[in-house]
Amino acid sequence: MEMDLERALRKAIKTGKVYTGSKRTLKALKNKEAKIVIMAENCPEEIAKAIEEYDVPVIKYKGSNMDLGAACGKPFSVLTLAVIDPGESEILNAV
């Protein structure tokens, strides 16, 4: 059974701790806080390469940054997000 990524994302945002945006994601990676990173399909190559340098699982979201923002329930685009604490979400099982 495949996990519903959008549902897991919303649950992680609601019950856990998630940082949105590439700057906050890279900072969380640098500080070894991020457990998993979700990246929009249209993420610029330089940001994607910077994120992939860290030994943290990355999920490529099948949609644009606008789609990822909507999936997170945000009224703005989200290029990347880092899950710090999944809360009650099963998002860490996505890898």
PDB file of N, CA and C in Angstrom:
ATOM      1  N   MET A   1       0.843  -1.190   0.000  1.00  0.00           N
ATOM      2  CA  MET A   1       0.000   0.000   0.000  1.00  0.00           C
ATOM      3  C   MET A   1       0.887   1.252   0.000  1.00  0.00           C
ATOM      4  N   GLU A   2       0.663   2.126  -0.961  1.00  0.00           N
ATOM      5  CA  GLU A   2       1.452   3.346  -1.057  1.00  0.00           C
ATOM      6  C   GLU A   2       0.895   4.408  -0.130  1.00  0.00           C
ATOM      7  N   MET A   3       1.796   5.094   0.554  1.00  0.00           N
ATOM      8  CA  MET A   3       1.386   6.139   1.486  1.00  0.00           C
ATOM      9  C   MET A   3       0.937   7.379   0.705  1.00  0.00           C
ATOM     10  N   ASP A   4      -0.063   8.054   1.198  1.00  0.00           N
ATOM     11  CA  ASP A   4      -0.525   9.308   0.619  1.00  0.00           C
ATOM     12  C   ASP A   4       0.404  10.411   1.136  1.00  0.00           C
ATOM     13  N   LEU A   5       1.312  10.857   0.287  1.00  0.00           N
ATOM     14  CA  LEU A   5       2.330  11.824   0.691  1.00  0.00           C
ATOM     15  C   LEU A   5       1.717  13.139   1.156  1.00  0.00           C
ATOM     16  N   GLU A   6       0.696  13.606   0.452  1.00  0.00           N
ATOM     17  CA  GLU A   6       0.076  14.880   0.830  1.00  0.00           C
ATOM     18  C   GLU A   6      -0.572  14.803   2.208  1.00  0.00           C
ATOM     19  N   ARG A   7      -1.252  13.694   2.493  1.00  0.00           N
ATOM     20  CA  ARG A   7      -1.878  13.517   3.807  1.00  0.00           C
ATOM     21  C   ARG A   7      -0.805  13.435   4.898  1.00  0.00           C
ATOM     22  N   ALA A   8       0.271  12.691   4.616  1.00  0.00           N
ATOM     23  CA  ALA A   8       1.356  12.558   5.578  1.00  0.00           C
ATOM     24  C   ALA A   8       2.031  13.907   5.830  1.00  0.00           C
ATOM     25  N   LEU A   9       2.175  14.705   4.766  1.00  0.00           N
ATOM     26  CA  LEU A   9       2.758  16.045   4.909  1.00  0.00           C
ATOM     27  C   LEU A   9       1.921  16.926   5.817  1.00  0.00           C
ATOM     28  N   ARG A  10       0.613  16.956   5.549  1.00  0.00           N
ATOM     29  CA  ARG A  10      -0.280  17.790   6.359  1.00  0.00           C
ATOM     30  C   ARG A  10      -0.259  17.357   7.826  1.00  0.00           C
ATOM     31  N   LYS A  11      -0.218  16.046   8.052  1.00  0.00           N
ATOM     32  CA  LYS A  11      -0.198  15.537   9.430  1.00  0.00           C
ATOM     33  C   LYS A  11       1.120  15.911  10.119  1.00  0.00           C
ATOM     34  N   ALA A  12       2.229  15.839   9.375  1.00  0.00           N
ATOM     35  CA  ALA A  12       3.530  16.214   9.943  1.00  0.00           C
ATOM     36  C   ALA A  12       3.550  17.701  10.286  1.00  0.00           C
ATOM     37  N   ILE A  13       2.964  18.531   9.420  1.00  0.00           N
ATOM     38  CA  ILE A  13       2.916  19.972   9.668  1.00  0.00           C
ATOM     39  C   ILE A  13       2.046  20.272  10.889  1.00  0.00           C
ATOM     40  N   LYS A  14       0.944  19.542  11.016  1.00  0.00           N
ATOM     41  CA  LYS A  14      -0.003  19.779  12.107  1.00  0.00           C
ATOM     42  C   LYS A  14       0.505  19.251  13.457  1.00  0.00           C
ATOM     43  N   THR A  15       1.120  18.063  13.470  1.00  0.00           N
ATOM     44  CA  THR A  15       1.474  17.424  14.742  1.00  0.00           C
ATOM     45  C   THR A  15       2.965  17.401  15.049  1.00  0.00           C
ATOM     46  N   GLY A  16       3.784  17.729  14.043  1.00  0.00           N
ATOM     47  CA  GLY A  16       5.230  17.660  14.244  1.00  0.00           C
ATOM     48  C   GLY A  16       5.886  19.015  14.063  1.00  0.00           C
ATOM     49  N   LYS A  17       7.113  18.993  13.547  1.00  0.00           N
ATOM     50  CA  LYS A  17       7.862  20.221  13.307  1.00  0.00           C
ATOM     51  C   LYS A  17       8.451  20.150  11.911  1.00  0.00           C
ATOM     52  N   VAL A  18       8.062  21.112  11.056  1.00  0.00           N
ATOM     53  CA  VAL A  18       8.493  21.140   9.660  1.00  0.00           C
ATOM     54  C   VAL A  18       8.951  22.551   9.318  1.00  0.00           C
ATOM     55  N   TYR A  19      10.101  22.653   8.663  1.00  0.00           N
ATOM     56  CA  TYR A  19      10.596  23.945   8.178  1.00  0.00           C
ATOM     57  C   TYR A  19      10.333  24.031   6.683  1.00  0.00           C
ATOM     58  N   THR A  20       9.735  25.126   6.223  1.00  0.00           N
ATOM     59  CA  THR A  20       9.500  25.320   4.795  1.00  0.00           C
ATOM     60  C   THR A  20      10.485  26.344   4.249  1.00  0.00           C
ATOM     61  N   GLY A  21      10.828  26.164   2.979  1.00  0.00           N
ATOM     62  CA  GLY A  21      11.743  27.082   2.313  1.00  0.00           C
ATOM     63  C   GLY A  21      13.145  26.519   2.217  1.00  0.00           C
ATOM     64  N   SER A  22      13.830  26.872   1.134  1.00  0.00           N
ATOM     65  CA  SER A  22      15.163  26.307   0.889  1.00  0.00           C
ATOM     66  C   SER A  22      16.200  26.800   1.899  1.00  0.00           C
ATOM     67  N   LYS A  23      16.131  28.064   2.324  1.00  0.00           N
ATOM     68  CA  LYS A  23      17.112  28.570   3.297  1.00  0.00           C
ATOM     69  C   LYS A  23      16.983  27.853   4.638  1.00  0.00           C
ATOM     70  N   ARG A  24      15.747  27.710   5.103  1.00  0.00           N
ATOM     71  CA  ARG A  24      15.527  27.025   6.401  1.00  0.00           C
ATOM     72  C   ARG A  24      15.849  25.539   6.283  1.00  0.00           C
ATOM     73  N   THR A  25      15.556  24.951   5.114  1.00  0.00           N
ATOM     74  CA  THR A  25      15.870  23.528   4.893  1.00  0.00           C
ATOM     75  C   THR A  25      17.374  23.314   4.949  1.00  0.00           C
ATOM     76  N   LEU A  26      18.137  24.146   4.239  1.00  0.00           N
ATOM     77  CA  LEU A  26      19.598  24.006   4.233  1.00  0.00           C
ATOM     78  C   LEU A  26      20.183  24.242   5.626  1.00  0.00           C
ATOM     79  N   LYS A  27      19.609  25.180   6.369  1.00  0.00           N
ATOM     80  CA  LYS A  27      20.073  25.431   7.736  1.00  0.00           C
ATOM     81  C   LYS A  27      19.806  24.211   8.625  1.00  0.00           C
ATOM     82  N   ALA A  28      18.622  23.605   8.472  1.00  0.00           N
ATOM     83  CA  ALA A  28      18.284  22.406   9.251  1.00  0.00           C
ATOM     84  C   ALA A  28      19.217  21.249   8.898  1.00  0.00           C
ATOM     85  N   LEU A  29      19.574  21.129   7.622  1.00  0.00           N
ATOM     86  CA  LEU A  29      20.511  20.082   7.202  1.00  0.00           C
ATOM     87  C   LEU A  29      21.891  20.329   7.804  1.00  0.00           C
ATOM     88  N   LYS A  30      22.331  21.573   7.755  1.00  0.00           N
ATOM     89  CA  LYS A  30      23.640  21.928   8.296  1.00  0.00           C
ATOM     90  C   LYS A  30      23.705  21.641   9.791  1.00  0.00           C
ATOM     91  N   ASN A  31      22.596  21.907  10.501  1.00  0.00           N
ATOM     92  CA  ASN A  31      22.534  21.673  11.948  1.00  0.00           C
ATOM     93  C   ASN A  31      22.163  20.241  12.316  1.00  0.00           C
ATOM     94  N   LYS A  32      22.065  19.378  11.304  1.00  0.00           N
ATOM     95  CA  LYS A  32      21.733  17.950  11.494  1.00  0.00           C
ATOM     96  C   LYS A  32      20.381  17.751  12.189  1.00  0.00           C
ATOM     97  N   GLU A  33      19.411  18.627  11.876  1.00  0.00           N
ATOM     98  CA  GLU A  33      18.070  18.529  12.463  1.00  0.00           C
ATOM     99  C   GLU A  33      17.106  17.771  11.557  1.00  0.00           C
ATOM    100  N   ALA A  34      17.298  17.880  10.247  1.00  0.00           N
ATOM    101  CA  ALA A  34      16.343  17.330   9.276  1.00  0.00           C
ATOM    102  C   ALA A  34      16.407  15.805   9.227  1.00  0.00           C
ATOM    103  N   LYS A  35      15.231  15.181   9.254  1.00  0.00           N
ATOM    104  CA  LYS A  35      15.129  13.724   9.144  1.00  0.00           C
ATOM    105  C   LYS A  35      14.877  13.308   7.693  1.00  0.00           C
ATOM    106  N   ILE A  36      14.150  14.165   6.966  1.00  0.00           N
ATOM    107  CA  ILE A  36      13.813  13.915   5.573  1.00  0.00           C
ATOM    108  C   ILE A  36      13.527  15.263   4.911  1.00  0.00           C
ATOM    109  N   VAL A  37      13.806  15.360   3.621  1.00  0.00           N
ATOM    110  CA  VAL A  37      13.565  16.594   2.867  1.00  0.00           C
ATOM    111  C   VAL A  37      12.616  16.286   1.711  1.00  0.00           C
ATOM    112  N   ILE A  38      11.631  17.154   1.515  1.00  0.00           N
ATOM    113  CA  ILE A  38      10.718  17.062   0.376  1.00  0.00           C
ATOM    114  C   ILE A  38      11.076  18.228  -0.545  1.00  0.00           C
ATOM    115  N   MET A  39      11.248  17.931  -1.828  1.00  0.00           N
ATOM    116  CA  MET A  39      11.685  18.925  -2.795  1.00  0.00           C
ATOM    117  C   MET A  39      10.720  18.953  -3.976  1.00  0.00           C
ATOM    118  N   ALA A  40      10.286  20.151  -4.382  1.00  0.00           N
ATOM    119  CA  ALA A  40       9.391  20.289  -5.534  1.00  0.00           C
ATOM    120  C   ALA A  40      10.134  19.887  -6.805  1.00  0.00           C
ATOM    121  N   GLU A  41       9.370  19.448  -7.795  1.00  0.00           N
ATOM    122  CA  GLU A  41       9.927  18.995  -9.064  1.00  0.00           C
ATOM    123  C   GLU A  41      10.736  20.094  -9.763  1.00  0.00           C
ATOM    124  N   ASN A  42      10.323  21.348  -9.605  1.00  0.00           N
ATOM    125  CA  ASN A  42      10.993  22.449 -10.293  1.00  0.00           C
ATOM    126  C   ASN A  42      12.052  23.141  -9.433  1.00  0.00           C
ATOM    127  N   CYS A  43      12.596  22.427  -8.469  1.00  0.00           N
ATOM    128  CA  CYS A  43      13.641  22.976  -7.604  1.00  0.00           C
ATOM    129  C   CYS A  43      14.883  23.267  -8.452  1.00  0.00           C
ATOM    130  N   PRO A  44      15.450  24.481  -8.344  1.00  0.00           N
ATOM    131  CA  PRO A  44      16.658  24.803  -9.112  1.00  0.00           C
ATOM    132  C   PRO A  44      17.792  23.828  -8.807  1.00  0.00           C
ATOM    133  N   GLU A  45      18.585  23.548  -9.834  1.00  0.00           N
ATOM    134  CA  GLU A  45      19.638  22.544  -9.728  1.00  0.00           C
ATOM    135  C   GLU A  45      20.645  22.843  -8.621  1.00  0.00           C
ATOM    136  N   GLU A  46      21.002  24.124  -8.443  1.00  0.00           N
ATOM    137  CA  GLU A  46      22.008  24.453  -7.412  1.00  0.00           C
ATOM    138  C   GLU A  46      21.482  24.165  -6.006  1.00  0.00           C
ATOM    139  N   ILE A  47      20.199  24.381  -5.771  1.00  0.00           N
ATOM    140  CA  ILE A  47      19.612  24.081  -4.458  1.00  0.00           C
ATOM    141  C   ILE A  47      19.519  22.570  -4.266  1.00  0.00           C
ATOM    142  N   ALA A  48      19.092  21.865  -5.320  1.00  0.00           N
ATOM    143  CA  ALA A  48      18.983  20.399  -5.251  1.00  0.00           C
ATOM    144  C   ALA A  48      20.345  19.776  -4.950  1.00  0.00           C
ATOM    145  N   LYS A  49      21.389  20.253  -5.612  1.00  0.00           N
ATOM    146  CA  LYS A  49      22.742  19.713  -5.379  1.00  0.00           C
ATOM    147  C   LYS A  49      23.199  19.993  -3.944  1.00  0.00           C
ATOM    148  N   ALA A  50      22.912  21.197  -3.442  1.00  0.00           N
ATOM    149  CA  ALA A  50      23.299  21.551  -2.067  1.00  0.00           C
ATOM    150  C   ALA A  50      22.596  20.646  -1.062  1.00  0.00           C
ATOM    151  N   ILE A  51      21.325  20.344  -1.308  1.00  0.00           N
ATOM    152  CA  ILE A  51      20.556  19.480  -0.405  1.00  0.00           C
ATOM    153  C   ILE A  51      21.071  18.046  -0.466  1.00  0.00           C
ATOM    154  N   GLU A  52      21.376  17.563  -1.675  1.00  0.00           N
ATOM    155  CA  GLU A  52      21.797  16.173  -1.850  1.00  0.00           C
ATOM    156  C   GLU A  52      23.192  15.896  -1.305  1.00  0.00           C
ATOM    157  N   GLU A  53      23.947  16.949  -0.961  1.00  0.00           N
ATOM    158  CA  GLU A  53      25.270  16.758  -0.354  1.00  0.00           C
ATOM    159  C   GLU A  53      25.161  16.165   1.046  1.00  0.00           C
ATOM    160  N   TYR A  54      24.012  16.350   1.680  1.00  0.00           N
ATOM    161  CA  TYR A  54      23.811  15.852   3.047  1.00  0.00           C
ATOM    162  C   TYR A  54      23.270  14.428   2.995  1.00  0.00           C
ATOM    163  N   ASP A  55      23.578  13.672   4.017  1.00  0.00           N
ATOM    164  CA  ASP A  55      23.158  12.271   4.071  1.00  0.00           C
ATOM    165  C   ASP A  55      21.774  12.160   4.703  1.00  0.00           C
ATOM    166  N   VAL A  56      20.790  12.754   4.012  1.00  0.00           N
ATOM    167  CA  VAL A  56      19.410  12.756   4.484  1.00  0.00           C
ATOM    168  C   VAL A  56      18.530  12.338   3.309  1.00  0.00           C
ATOM    169  N   PRO A  57      17.538  11.467   3.540  1.00  0.00           N
ATOM    170  CA  PRO A  57      16.654  11.060   2.442  1.00  0.00           C
ATOM    171  C   PRO A  57      15.917  12.247   1.829  1.00  0.00           C
ATOM    172  N   VAL A  58      15.800  12.235   0.497  1.00  0.00           N
ATOM    173  CA  VAL A  58      15.109  13.296  -0.232  1.00  0.00           C
ATOM    174  C   VAL A  58      13.979  12.680  -1.049  1.00  0.00           C
ATOM    175  N   ILE A  59      12.793  13.256  -0.923  1.00  0.00           N
ATOM    176  CA  ILE A  59      11.652  12.833  -1.736  1.00  0.00           C
ATOM    177  C   ILE A  59      11.385  13.942  -2.740  1.00  0.00           C
ATOM    178  N   LYS A  60      11.353  13.579  -4.014  1.00  0.00           N
ATOM    179  CA  LYS A  60      11.011  14.563  -5.049  1.00  0.00           C
ATOM    180  C   LYS A  60       9.496  14.561  -5.199  1.00  0.00           C
ATOM    181  N   TYR A  61       8.887  15.673  -4.818  1.00  0.00           N
ATOM    182  CA  TYR A  61       7.437  15.820  -4.903  1.00  0.00           C
ATOM    183  C   TYR A  61       7.034  15.949  -6.366  1.00  0.00           C
ATOM    184  N   LYS A  62       6.036  15.191  -6.781  1.00  0.00           N
ATOM    185  CA  LYS A  62       5.582  15.205  -8.175  1.00  0.00           C
ATOM    186  C   LYS A  62       4.653  16.390  -8.399  1.00  0.00           C
ATOM    187  N   GLY A  63       5.251  17.555  -8.510  1.00  0.00           N
ATOM    188  CA  GLY A  63       4.507  18.784  -8.726  1.00  0.00           C
ATOM    189  C   GLY A  63       5.415  19.978  -8.534  1.00  0.00           C
ATOM    190  N   SER A  64       4.916  21.144  -8.886  1.00  0.00           N
ATOM    191  CA  SER A  64       5.709  22.367  -8.776  1.00  0.00           C
ATOM    192  C   SER A  64       5.735  22.874  -7.339  1.00  0.00           C
ATOM    193  N   ASN A  65       6.468  23.964  -7.142  1.00  0.00           N
ATOM    194  CA  ASN A  65       6.512  24.582  -5.814  1.00  0.00           C
ATOM    195  C   ASN A  65       5.131  25.113  -5.413  1.00  0.00           C
ATOM    196  N   MET A  66       4.326  25.526  -6.392  1.00  0.00           N
ATOM    197  CA  MET A  66       2.959  25.976  -6.088  1.00  0.00           C
ATOM    198  C   MET A  66       2.116  24.787  -5.604  1.00  0.00           C
ATOM    199  N   ASP A  67       2.282  23.637  -6.268  1.00  0.00           N
ATOM    200  CA  ASP A  67       1.556  22.422  -5.877  1.00  0.00           C
ATOM    201  C   ASP A  67       1.967  21.958  -4.483  1.00  0.00           C
ATOM    202  N   LEU A  68       3.268  22.027  -4.199  1.00  0.00           N
ATOM    203  CA  LEU A  68       3.764  21.604  -2.885  1.00  0.00           C
ATOM    204  C   LEU A  68       3.239  22.525  -1.793  1.00  0.00           C
ATOM    205  N   GLY A  69       3.201  23.828  -2.070  1.00  0.00           N
ATOM    206  CA  GLY A  69       2.636  24.781  -1.107  1.00  0.00           C
ATOM    207  C   GLY A  69       1.183  24.468  -0.807  1.00  0.00           C
ATOM    208  N   ALA A  70       0.422  24.174  -1.865  1.00  0.00           N
ATOM    209  CA  ALA A  70      -0.997  23.823  -1.699  1.00  0.00           C
ATOM    210  C   ALA A  70      -1.139  22.523  -0.912  1.00  0.00           C
ATOM    211  N   ALA A  71      -0.279  21.548  -1.197  1.00  0.00           N
ATOM    212  CA  ALA A  71      -0.330  20.262  -0.491  1.00  0.00           C
ATOM    213  C   ALA A  71      -0.049  20.436   1.000  1.00  0.00           C
ATOM    214  N   CYS A  72       0.771  21.437   1.325  1.00  0.00           N
ATOM    215  CA  CYS A  72       1.097  21.718   2.724  1.00  0.00           C
ATOM    216  C   CYS A  72       0.025  22.573   3.391  1.00  0.00           C
ATOM    217  N   GLY A  73      -0.952  23.034   2.624  1.00  0.00           N
ATOM    218  CA  GLY A  73      -1.991  23.887   3.173  1.00  0.00           C
ATOM    219  C   GLY A  73      -1.522  25.320   3.358  1.00  0.00           C
ATOM    220  N   LYS A  74      -0.484  25.706   2.613  1.00  0.00           N
ATOM    221  CA  LYS A  74       0.069  27.064   2.715  1.00  0.00           C
ATOM    222  C   LYS A  74      -0.455  27.922   1.562  1.00  0.00           C
ATOM    223  N   PRO A  75      -0.674  29.224   1.808  1.00  0.00           N
ATOM    224  CA  PRO A  75      -1.154  30.116   0.749  1.00  0.00           C
ATOM    225  C   PRO A  75      -0.008  30.681  -0.102  1.00  0.00           C
ATOM    226  N   PHE A  76       1.127  29.993  -0.118  1.00  0.00           N
ATOM    227  CA  PHE A  76       2.290  30.442  -0.894  1.00  0.00           C
ATOM    228  C   PHE A  76       3.028  29.217  -1.416  1.00  0.00           C
ATOM    229  N   SER A  77       3.965  29.446  -2.341  1.00  0.00           N
ATOM    230  CA  SER A  77       4.713  28.320  -2.908  1.00  0.00           C
ATOM    231  C   SER A  77       5.764  27.832  -1.909  1.00  0.00           C
ATOM    232  N   VAL A  78       6.043  26.534  -1.963  1.00  0.00           N
ATOM    233  CA  VAL A  78       7.057  25.914  -1.101  1.00  0.00           C
ATOM    234  C   VAL A  78       7.975  25.103  -2.003  1.00  0.00           C
ATOM    235  N   LEU A  79       9.236  25.531  -2.109  1.00  0.00           N
ATOM    236  CA  LEU A  79      10.196  24.847  -2.968  1.00  0.00           C
ATOM    237  C   LEU A  79      10.745  23.594  -2.290  1.00  0.00           C
ATOM    238  N   THR A  80      11.097  23.728  -1.014  1.00  0.00           N
ATOM    239  CA  THR A  80      11.603  22.589  -0.241  1.00  0.00           C
ATOM    240  C   THR A  80      11.057  22.675   1.180  1.00  0.00           C
ATOM    241  N   LEU A  81      11.050  21.528   1.843  1.00  0.00           N
ATOM    242  CA  LEU A  81      10.726  21.526   3.261  1.00  0.00           C
ATOM    243  C   LEU A  81      11.491  20.420   3.950  1.00  0.00           C
ATOM    244  N   ALA A  82      11.825  20.676   5.192  1.00  0.00           N
ATOM    245  CA  ALA A  82      12.570  19.712   5.994  1.00  0.00           C
ATOM    246  C   ALA A  82      11.699  19.269   7.157  1.00  0.00           C
ATOM    247  N   VAL A  83      11.571  17.959   7.327  1.00  0.00           N
ATOM    248  CA  VAL A  83      10.819  17.419   8.459  1.00  0.00           C
ATOM    249  C   VAL A  83      11.805  17.223   9.605  1.00  0.00           C
ATOM    250  N   ILE A  84      11.573  17.953  10.680  1.00  0.00           N
ATOM    251  CA  ILE A  84      12.432  17.883  11.863  1.00  0.00           C
ATOM    252  C   ILE A  84      11.878  16.835  12.822  1.00  0.00           C
ATOM    253  N   ASP A  85      10.568  16.897  13.041  1.00  0.00           N
ATOM    254  CA  ASP A  85       9.861  15.933  13.884  1.00  0.00           C
ATOM    255  C   ASP A  85       8.586  15.541  13.135  1.00  0.00           C
ATOM    256  N   PRO A  86       8.423  14.263  12.790  1.00  0.00           N
ATOM    257  CA  PRO A  86       7.254  13.856  12.017  1.00  0.00           C
ATOM    258  C   PRO A  86       5.944  13.877  12.803  1.00  0.00           C
ATOM    259  N   GLY A  87       6.000  14.018  14.115  1.00  0.00           N
ATOM    260  CA  GLY A  87       4.776  13.998  14.907  1.00  0.00           C
ATOM    261  C   GLY A  87       4.071  12.660  14.740  1.00  0.00           C
ATOM    262  N   GLU A  88       2.769  12.689  14.462  1.00  0.00           N
ATOM    263  CA  GLU A  88       1.985  11.465  14.284  1.00  0.00           C
ATOM    264  C   GLU A  88       1.997  10.973  12.837  1.00  0.00           C
ATOM    265  N   SER A  89       2.745  11.644  11.975  1.00  0.00           N
ATOM    266  CA  SER A  89       2.788  11.316  10.547  1.00  0.00           C
ATOM    267  C   SER A  89       3.652  10.087  10.277  1.00  0.00           C
ATOM    268  N   GLU A  90       3.338   9.413   9.203  1.00  0.00           N
ATOM    269  CA  GLU A  90       4.109   8.244   8.740  1.00  0.00           C
ATOM    270  C   GLU A  90       5.099   8.651   7.653  1.00  0.00           C
ATOM    271  N   ILE A  91       5.413   9.923   7.544  1.00  0.00           N
ATOM    272  CA  ILE A  91       6.202  10.434   6.425  1.00  0.00           C
ATOM    273  C   ILE A  91       7.611   9.835   6.347  1.00  0.00           C
ATOM    274  N   LEU A  92       8.184   9.457   7.476  1.00  0.00           N
ATOM    275  CA  LEU A  92       9.525   8.864   7.452  1.00  0.00           C
ATOM    276  C   LEU A  92       9.518   7.478   6.804  1.00  0.00           C
ATOM    277  N   ASN A  93       8.353   6.854   6.698  1.00  0.00           N
ATOM    278  CA  ASN A  93       8.247   5.546   6.053  1.00  0.00           C
ATOM    279  C   ASN A  93       8.198   5.663   4.532  1.00  0.00           C
ATOM    280  N   ALA A  94       8.177   6.904   4.016  1.00  0.00           N
ATOM    281  CA  ALA A  94       8.081   7.120   2.569  1.00  0.00           C
ATOM    282  C   ALA A  94       9.363   6.760   1.836  1.00  0.00           C
ATOM    283  N   VAL A  95      10.451   6.643   2.565  1.00  0.00           N
ATOM    284  CA  VAL A  95      11.746   6.371   1.911  1.00  0.00           C
ATOM    285  C   VAL A  95      12.016   4.899   1.874  1.00  0.00           C
TER     286      VAL A  95
END
